[in-house]
């Protein structure tokens, strides 16, 4: 049964009335992931950047944290960064 957790609806696709993905759609998505990972692996290690925590840290609500113009979070402990 669908339920809300920390303001987000948690439900299966079937509970939302969505059709399951076809094998063709799954294969196309996996091909895009493979293409992305190949491009990312081609970047030299010294030029790689860390993906923001917004891509995986959903257990903590950061909505009130200040952000930089590029969308990354400002470090509140760093006096060099302005928080206003």
PDB file of N, CA and C in Angstrom:
ATOM      1  N   UNK A   1       0.832  -1.173   0.000  1.00  0.00           N
ATOM      2  CA  UNK A   1       0.000   0.000   0.000  1.00  0.00           C
ATOM      3  C   UNK A   1       0.883   1.246   0.000  1.00  0.00           C
ATOM      4  N   UNK A   2       0.522   2.240  -0.813  1.00  0.00           N
ATOM      5  CA  UNK A   2       1.282   3.483  -0.901  1.00  0.00           C
ATOM      6  C   UNK A   2       1.222   4.220   0.430  1.00  0.00           C
ATOM      7  N   UNK A   3       2.340   4.853   0.796  1.00  0.00           N
ATOM      8  CA  UNK A   3       2.379   5.622   2.041  1.00  0.00           C
ATOM      9  C   UNK A   3       3.326   6.799   1.865  1.00  0.00           C
ATOM     10  N   UNK A   4       3.187   7.770   2.730  1.00  0.00           N
ATOM     11  CA  UNK A   4       4.071   8.932   2.715  1.00  0.00           C
ATOM     12  C   UNK A   4       5.155   8.760   3.755  1.00  0.00           C
ATOM     13  N   UNK A   5       6.382   9.099   3.378  1.00  0.00           N
ATOM     14  CA  UNK A   5       7.522   9.050   4.281  1.00  0.00           C
ATOM     15  C   UNK A   5       8.329  10.323   4.056  1.00  0.00           C
ATOM     16  N   UNK A   6       8.468  11.115   5.101  1.00  0.00           N
ATOM     17  CA  UNK A   6       9.197  12.381   5.030  1.00  0.00           C
ATOM     18  C   UNK A   6       8.742  13.234   3.849  1.00  0.00           C
ATOM     19  N   UNK A   7       7.436  13.285   3.646  1.00  0.00           N
ATOM     20  CA  UNK A   7       6.876  14.123   2.601  1.00  0.00           C
ATOM     21  C   UNK A   7       6.920  13.539   1.207  1.00  0.00           C
ATOM     22  N   UNK A   8       7.355  12.311   1.067  1.00  0.00           N
ATOM     23  CA  UNK A   8       7.442  11.681  -0.255  1.00  0.00           C
ATOM     24  C   UNK A   8       6.500  10.482  -0.317  1.00  0.00           C
ATOM     25  N   UNK A   9       5.859  10.321  -1.458  1.00  0.00           N
ATOM     26  CA  UNK A   9       4.968   9.183  -1.664  1.00  0.00           C
ATOM     27  C   UNK A   9       5.803   7.976  -2.042  1.00  0.00           C
ATOM     28  N   UNK A  10       5.669   6.910  -1.281  1.00  0.00           N
ATOM     29  CA  UNK A  10       6.368   5.651  -1.555  1.00  0.00           C
ATOM     30  C   UNK A  10       5.317   4.659  -2.049  1.00  0.00           C
ATOM     31  N   UNK A  11       5.471   4.234  -3.303  1.00  0.00           N
ATOM     32  CA  UNK A  11       4.490   3.329  -3.885  1.00  0.00           C
ATOM     33  C   UNK A  11       5.146   2.539  -5.011  1.00  0.00           C
ATOM     34  N   UNK A  12       4.551   1.410  -5.336  1.00  0.00           N
ATOM     35  CA  UNK A  12       5.019   0.637  -6.481  1.00  0.00           C
ATOM     36  C   UNK A  12       4.400   1.244  -7.737  1.00  0.00           C
ATOM     37  N   UNK A  13       4.997   1.000  -8.897  1.00  0.00           N
ATOM     38  CA  UNK A  13       4.396   1.512 -10.130  1.00  0.00           C
ATOM     39  C   UNK A  13       2.960   1.002 -10.329  1.00  0.00           C
ATOM     40  N   UNK A  14       2.706  -0.236  -9.936  1.00  0.00           N
ATOM     41  CA  UNK A  14       1.361  -0.791 -10.082  1.00  0.00           C
ATOM     42  C   UNK A  14       0.345  -0.030  -9.230  1.00  0.00           C
ATOM     43  N   UNK A  15       0.750   0.369  -8.015  1.00  0.00           N
ATOM     44  CA  UNK A  15      -0.154   1.120  -7.145  1.00  0.00           C
ATOM     45  C   UNK A  15      -0.493   2.488  -7.736  1.00  0.00           C
ATOM     46  N   UNK A  16       0.392   3.001  -8.567  1.00  0.00           N
ATOM     47  CA  UNK A  16       0.160   4.295  -9.201  1.00  0.00           C
ATOM     48  C   UNK A  16      -0.523   4.159 -10.554  1.00  0.00           C
ATOM     49  N   UNK A  17      -0.826   2.928 -10.960  1.00  0.00           N
ATOM     50  CA  UNK A  17      -1.516   2.689 -12.213  1.00  0.00           C
ATOM     51  C   UNK A  17      -0.611   2.765 -13.433  1.00  0.00           C
ATOM     52  N   UNK A  18       0.683   2.581 -13.253  1.00  0.00           N
ATOM     53  CA  UNK A  18       1.629   2.641 -14.362  1.00  0.00           C
ATOM     54  C   UNK A  18       1.857   1.262 -14.949  1.00  0.00           C
ATOM     55  N   UNK A  19       2.063   1.233 -16.248  1.00  0.00           N
ATOM     56  CA  UNK A  19       2.367  -0.016 -16.938  1.00  0.00           C
ATOM     57  C   UNK A  19       3.816  -0.395 -16.666  1.00  0.00           C
ATOM     58  N   UNK A  20       4.130  -1.677 -16.545  1.00  0.00           N
ATOM     59  CA  UNK A  20       5.532  -2.075 -16.376  1.00  0.00           C
ATOM     60  C   UNK A  20       6.335  -1.746 -17.639  1.00  0.00           C
ATOM     61  N   UNK A  21       7.627  -1.469 -17.469  1.00  0.00           N
ATOM     62  CA  UNK A  21       8.487  -1.171 -18.602  1.00  0.00           C
ATOM     63  C   UNK A  21       8.675  -2.413 -19.466  1.00  0.00           C
ATOM     64  N   UNK A  22       8.767  -2.188 -20.767  1.00  0.00           N
ATOM     65  CA  UNK A  22       9.049  -3.302 -21.671  1.00  0.00           C
ATOM     66  C   UNK A  22      10.545  -3.590 -21.614  1.00  0.00           C
ATOM     67  N   UNK A  23      10.933  -4.769 -22.071  1.00  0.00           N
ATOM     68  CA  UNK A  23      12.355  -5.112 -22.089  1.00  0.00           C
ATOM     69  C   UNK A  23      13.125  -4.157 -22.994  1.00  0.00           C
ATOM     70  N   UNK A  24      12.479  -3.689 -24.067  1.00  0.00           N
ATOM     71  CA  UNK A  24      13.114  -2.723 -24.976  1.00  0.00           C
ATOM     72  C   UNK A  24      13.418  -1.407 -24.250  1.00  0.00           C
ATOM     73  N   UNK A  25      12.477  -0.926 -23.433  1.00  0.00           N
ATOM     74  CA  UNK A  25      12.697   0.309 -22.667  1.00  0.00           C
ATOM     75  C   UNK A  25      13.808   0.125 -21.638  1.00  0.00           C
ATOM     76  N   UNK A  26      13.834  -1.023 -20.989  1.00  0.00           N
ATOM     77  CA  UNK A  26      14.878  -1.309 -19.996  1.00  0.00           C
ATOM     78  C   UNK A  26      16.241  -1.358 -20.673  1.00  0.00           C
ATOM     79  N   UNK A  27      16.326  -2.024 -21.831  1.00  0.00           N
ATOM     80  CA  UNK A  27      17.595  -2.109 -22.565  1.00  0.00           C
ATOM     81  C   UNK A  27      18.072  -0.728 -23.010  1.00  0.00           C
ATOM     82  N   UNK A  28      17.147   0.130 -23.456  1.00  0.00           N
ATOM     83  CA  UNK A  28      17.516   1.479 -23.893  1.00  0.00           C
ATOM     84  C   UNK A  28      18.052   2.295 -22.715  1.00  0.00           C
ATOM     85  N   UNK A  29      17.418   2.182 -21.555  1.00  0.00           N
ATOM     86  CA  UNK A  29      17.884   2.909 -20.370  1.00  0.00           C
ATOM     87  C   UNK A  29      19.263   2.409 -19.936  1.00  0.00           C
ATOM     88  N   UNK A  30      19.459   1.108 -19.952  1.00  0.00           N
ATOM     89  CA  UNK A  30      20.758   0.555 -19.577  1.00  0.00           C
ATOM     90  C   UNK A  30      21.851   0.989 -20.551  1.00  0.00           C
ATOM     91  N   UNK A  31      21.507   1.110 -21.843  1.00  0.00           N
ATOM     92  CA  UNK A  31      22.480   1.587 -22.830  1.00  0.00           C
ATOM     93  C   UNK A  31      22.875   3.029 -22.538  1.00  0.00           C
ATOM     94  N   UNK A  32      21.915   3.860 -22.121  1.00  0.00           N
ATOM     95  CA  UNK A  32      22.236   5.252 -21.766  1.00  0.00           C
ATOM     96  C   UNK A  32      23.120   5.300 -20.532  1.00  0.00           C
ATOM     97  N   UNK A  33      22.846   4.452 -19.549  1.00  0.00           N
ATOM     98  CA  UNK A  33      23.707   4.396 -18.357  1.00  0.00           C
ATOM     99  C   UNK A  33      25.121   3.961 -18.736  1.00  0.00           C
ATOM    100  N   UNK A  34      25.222   2.964 -19.596  1.00  0.00           N
ATOM    101  CA  UNK A  34      26.537   2.489 -20.041  1.00  0.00           C
ATOM    102  C   UNK A  34      27.298   3.591 -20.767  1.00  0.00           C
ATOM    103  N   UNK A  35      26.589   4.353 -21.617  1.00  0.00           N
ATOM    104  CA  UNK A  35      27.221   5.466 -22.340  1.00  0.00           C
ATOM    105  C   UNK A  35      27.735   6.521 -21.360  1.00  0.00           C
ATOM    106  N   UNK A  36      26.906   6.869 -20.363  1.00  0.00           N
ATOM    107  CA  UNK A  36      27.307   7.847 -19.351  1.00  0.00           C
ATOM    108  C   UNK A  36      28.524   7.352 -18.579  1.00  0.00           C
ATOM    109  N   UNK A  37      28.497   6.107 -18.137  1.00  0.00           N
ATOM    110  CA  UNK A  37      29.609   5.565 -17.357  1.00  0.00           C
ATOM    111  C   UNK A  37      30.895   5.498 -18.172  1.00  0.00           C
ATOM    112  N   UNK A  38      30.782   5.215 -19.484  1.00  0.00           N
ATOM    113  CA  UNK A  38      31.970   5.196 -20.342  1.00  0.00           C
ATOM    114  C   UNK A  38      32.569   6.599 -20.460  1.00  0.00           C
ATOM    115  N   UNK A  39      31.707   7.605 -20.611  1.00  0.00           N
ATOM    116  CA  UNK A  39      32.206   8.991 -20.680  1.00  0.00           C
ATOM    117  C   UNK A  39      32.845   9.398 -19.363  1.00  0.00           C
ATOM    118  N   UNK A  40      32.226   9.005 -18.263  1.00  0.00           N
ATOM    119  CA  UNK A  40      32.760   9.363 -16.947  1.00  0.00           C
ATOM    120  C   UNK A  40      34.092   8.668 -16.691  1.00  0.00           C
ATOM    121  N   UNK A  41      34.219   7.419 -17.109  1.00  0.00           N
ATOM    122  CA  UNK A  41      35.463   6.672 -16.904  1.00  0.00           C
ATOM    123  C   UNK A  41      36.593   7.221 -17.765  1.00  0.00           C
ATOM    124  N   UNK A  42      36.252   7.903 -18.877  1.00  0.00           N
ATOM    125  CA  UNK A  42      37.278   8.453 -19.769  1.00  0.00           C
ATOM    126  C   UNK A  42      37.922   9.720 -19.207  1.00  0.00           C
ATOM    127  N   UNK A  43      37.319  10.317 -18.182  1.00  0.00           N
ATOM    128  CA  UNK A  43      37.873  11.536 -17.585  1.00  0.00           C
ATOM    129  C   UNK A  43      39.044  11.148 -16.679  1.00  0.00           C
ATOM    130  N   UNK A  44      40.192  11.826 -16.844  1.00  0.00           N
ATOM    131  CA  UNK A  44      41.336  11.501 -15.980  1.00  0.00           C
ATOM    132  C   UNK A  44      40.983  11.712 -14.501  1.00  0.00           C
ATOM    133  N   UNK A  45      41.533  10.890 -13.607  1.00  0.00           N
ATOM    134  CA  UNK A  45      41.184  10.984 -12.183  1.00  0.00           C
ATOM    135  C   UNK A  45      41.387  12.379 -11.583  1.00  0.00           C
ATOM    136  N   UNK A  46      42.394  13.108 -12.026  1.00  0.00           N
ATOM    137  CA  UNK A  46      42.645  14.434 -11.446  1.00  0.00           C
ATOM    138  C   UNK A  46      41.620  15.475 -11.892  1.00  0.00           C
ATOM    139  N   UNK A  47      40.835  15.175 -12.917  1.00  0.00           N
ATOM    140  CA  UNK A  47      39.823  16.127 -13.395  1.00  0.00           C
ATOM    141  C   UNK A  47      38.404  15.721 -12.998  1.00  0.00           C
ATOM    142  N   UNK A  48      38.260  14.614 -12.290  1.00  0.00           N
ATOM    143  CA  UNK A  48      36.931  14.161 -11.885  1.00  0.00           C
ATOM    144  C   UNK A  48      36.415  15.020 -10.744  1.00  0.00           C
ATOM    145  N   UNK A  49      35.101  15.210 -10.718  1.00  0.00           N
ATOM    146  CA  UNK A  49      34.468  15.945  -9.635  1.00  0.00           C
ATOM    147  C   UNK A  49      33.513  15.008  -8.907  1.00  0.00           C
ATOM    148  N   UNK A  50      33.291  15.314  -7.657  1.00  0.00           N
ATOM    149  CA  UNK A  50      32.367  14.512  -6.855  1.00  0.00           C
ATOM    150  C   UNK A  50      30.944  14.933  -7.168  1.00  0.00           C
ATOM    151  N   UNK A  51      30.060  13.965  -7.420  1.00  0.00           N
ATOM    152  CA  UNK A  51      28.663  14.302  -7.635  1.00  0.00           C
ATOM    153  C   UNK A  51      28.061  14.782  -6.325  1.00  0.00           C
ATOM    154  N   UNK A  52      27.249  15.802  -6.417  1.00  0.00           N
ATOM    155  CA  UNK A  52      26.626  16.382  -5.238  1.00  0.00           C
ATOM    156  C   UNK A  52      25.830  15.333  -4.472  1.00  0.00           C
ATOM    157  N   UNK A  53      25.695  15.538  -3.169  1.00  0.00           N
ATOM    158  CA  UNK A  53      24.942  14.597  -2.349  1.00  0.00           C
ATOM    159  C   UNK A  53      23.468  14.585  -2.721  1.00  0.00           C
ATOM    160  N   UNK A  54      23.022  15.560  -3.480  1.00  0.00           N
ATOM    161  CA  UNK A  54      21.608  15.571  -3.867  1.00  0.00           C
ATOM    162  C   UNK A  54      21.266  14.386  -4.761  1.00  0.00           C
ATOM    163  N   UNK A  55      22.276  13.672  -5.256  1.00  0.00           N
ATOM    164  CA  UNK A  55      22.029  12.516  -6.092  1.00  0.00           C
ATOM    165  C   UNK A  55      21.913  11.228  -5.283  1.00  0.00           C
ATOM    166  N   UNK A  56      21.951  11.287  -3.967  1.00  0.00           N
ATOM    167  CA  UNK A  56      21.847  10.046  -3.233  1.00  0.00           C
ATOM    168  C   UNK A  56      21.527  10.197  -1.767  1.00  0.00           C
ATOM    169  N   UNK A  57      21.526  11.401  -1.252  1.00  0.00           N
ATOM    170  CA  UNK A  57      21.320  11.599   0.174  1.00  0.00           C
ATOM    171  C   UNK A  57      19.897  12.072   0.441  1.00  0.00           C
ATOM    172  N   UNK A  58      18.922  11.204   0.203  1.00  0.00           N
ATOM    173  CA  UNK A  58      17.526  11.592   0.381  1.00  0.00           C
ATOM    174  C   UNK A  58      17.028  11.418   1.808  1.00  0.00           C
ATOM    175  N   UNK A  59      17.825  10.819   2.685  1.00  0.00           N
ATOM    176  CA  UNK A  59      17.365  10.595   4.051  1.00  0.00           C
ATOM    177  C   UNK A  59      17.446  11.851   4.905  1.00  0.00           C
ATOM    178  N   UNK A  60      18.164  12.856   4.457  1.00  0.00           N
ATOM    179  CA  UNK A  60      18.297  14.089   5.215  1.00  0.00           C
ATOM    180  C   UNK A  60      17.760  15.230   4.366  1.00  0.00           C
ATOM    181  N   UNK A  61      16.894  16.025   4.934  1.00  0.00           N
ATOM    182  CA  UNK A  61      16.285  17.118   4.194  1.00  0.00           C
ATOM    183  C   UNK A  61      17.209  18.331   4.237  1.00  0.00           C
ATOM    184  N   UNK A  62      17.808  18.669   3.094  1.00  0.00           N
ATOM    185  CA  UNK A  62      18.742  19.791   3.001  1.00  0.00           C
ATOM    186  C   UNK A  62      18.073  21.049   2.457  1.00  0.00           C
ATOM    187  N   UNK A  63      16.749  21.087   2.393  1.00  0.00           N
ATOM    188  CA  UNK A  63      16.078  22.204   1.744  1.00  0.00           C
ATOM    189  C   UNK A  63      16.408  23.552   2.363  1.00  0.00           C
ATOM    190  N   UNK A  64      16.765  23.589   3.650  1.00  0.00           N
ATOM    191  CA  UNK A  64      17.051  24.868   4.291  1.00  0.00           C
ATOM    192  C   UNK A  64      18.532  25.227   4.231  1.00  0.00           C
ATOM    193  N   UNK A  65      19.380  24.358   3.668  1.00  0.00           N
ATOM    194  CA  UNK A  65      20.805  24.660   3.557  1.00  0.00           C
ATOM    195  C   UNK A  65      21.031  25.670   2.442  1.00  0.00           C
ATOM    196  N   UNK A  66      21.906  26.647   2.653  1.00  0.00           N
ATOM    197  CA  UNK A  66      22.194  27.600   1.583  1.00  0.00           C
ATOM    198  C   UNK A  66      22.923  26.921   0.435  1.00  0.00           C
ATOM    199  N   UNK A  67      22.752  27.459  -0.762  1.00  0.00           N
ATOM    200  CA  UNK A  67      23.345  26.860  -1.953  1.00  0.00           C
ATOM    201  C   UNK A  67      24.204  27.862  -2.707  1.00  0.00           C
ATOM    202  N   UNK A  68      25.183  27.333  -3.417  1.00  0.00           N
ATOM    203  CA  UNK A  68      26.005  28.127  -4.319  1.00  0.00           C
ATOM    204  C   UNK A  68      25.233  28.321  -5.625  1.00  0.00           C
ATOM    205  N   UNK A  69      25.665  29.267  -6.478  1.00  0.00           N
ATOM    206  CA  UNK A  69      24.963  29.466  -7.759  1.00  0.00           C
ATOM    207  C   UNK A  69      24.897  28.214  -8.631  1.00  0.00           C
ATOM    208  N   UNK A  70      25.871  27.296  -8.496  1.00  0.00           N
ATOM    209  CA  UNK A  70      25.840  26.075  -9.307  1.00  0.00           C
ATOM    210  C   UNK A  70      24.934  24.995  -8.714  1.00  0.00           C
ATOM    211  N   UNK A  71      24.275  25.288  -7.592  1.00  0.00           N
ATOM    212  CA  UNK A  71      23.364  24.334  -6.975  1.00  0.00           C
ATOM    213  C   UNK A  71      23.975  23.506  -5.873  1.00  0.00           C
ATOM    214  N   UNK A  72      25.316  23.544  -5.733  1.00  0.00           N
ATOM    215  CA  UNK A  72      25.951  22.777  -4.665  1.00  0.00           C
ATOM    216  C   UNK A  72      25.717  23.470  -3.328  1.00  0.00           C
ATOM    217  N   UNK A  73      25.830  22.710  -2.257  1.00  0.00           N
ATOM    218  CA  UNK A  73      25.589  23.269  -0.930  1.00  0.00           C
ATOM    219  C   UNK A  73      26.802  24.041  -0.436  1.00  0.00           C
ATOM    220  N   UNK A  74      26.521  25.123   0.252  1.00  0.00           N
ATOM    221  CA  UNK A  74      27.601  25.899   0.848  1.00  0.00           C
ATOM    222  C   UNK A  74      28.042  25.228   2.136  1.00  0.00           C
ATOM    223  N   UNK A  75      29.325  25.305   2.411  1.00  0.00           N
ATOM    224  CA  UNK A  75      29.876  24.744   3.632  1.00  0.00           C
ATOM    225  C   UNK A  75      29.752  25.794   4.723  1.00  0.00           C
ATOM    226  N   UNK A  76      28.910  25.562   5.706  1.00  0.00           N
ATOM    227  CA  UNK A  76      28.680  26.540   6.766  1.00  0.00           C
ATOM    228  C   UNK A  76      29.910  26.730   7.658  1.00  0.00           C
ATOM    229  N   UNK A  77      30.820  25.754   7.657  1.00  0.00           N
ATOM    230  CA  UNK A  77      31.998  25.857   8.496  1.00  0.00           C
ATOM    231  C   UNK A  77      33.155  26.587   7.816  1.00  0.00           C
ATOM    232  N   UNK A  78      32.996  26.941   6.530  1.00  0.00           N
ATOM    233  CA  UNK A  78      34.057  27.586   5.768  1.00  0.00           C
ATOM    234  C   UNK A  78      33.832  29.090   5.776  1.00  0.00           C
ATOM    235  N   UNK A  79      34.669  29.872   6.486  1.00  0.00           N
ATOM    236  CA  UNK A  79      34.460  31.315   6.543  1.00  0.00           C
ATOM    237  C   UNK A  79      34.681  31.997   5.199  1.00  0.00           C
ATOM    238  N   UNK A  80      35.321  31.325   4.247  1.00  0.00           N
ATOM    239  CA  UNK A  80      35.574  31.917   2.941  1.00  0.00           C
ATOM    240  C   UNK A  80      34.298  32.013   2.094  1.00  0.00           C
ATOM    241  N   UNK A  81      33.301  31.150   2.375  1.00  0.00           N
ATOM    242  CA  UNK A  81      32.071  31.159   1.599  1.00  0.00           C
ATOM    243  C   UNK A  81      31.027  32.013   2.294  1.00  0.00           C
ATOM    244  N   UNK A  82      30.361  32.841   1.504  1.00  0.00           N
ATOM    245  CA  UNK A  82      29.281  33.643   2.057  1.00  0.00           C
ATOM    246  C   UNK A  82      28.033  32.771   2.166  1.00  0.00           C
ATOM    247  N   UNK A  83      27.250  32.965   3.203  1.00  0.00           N
ATOM    248  CA  UNK A  83      26.025  32.171   3.368  1.00  0.00           C
ATOM    249  C   UNK A  83      24.779  32.986   3.131  1.00  0.00           C
ATOM    250  N   UNK A  84      24.907  34.209   2.664  1.00  0.00           N
ATOM    251  CA  UNK A  84      23.705  35.025   2.443  1.00  0.00           C
ATOM    252  C   UNK A  84      23.327  35.059   0.989  1.00  0.00           C
TER     253      UNK A  84
END
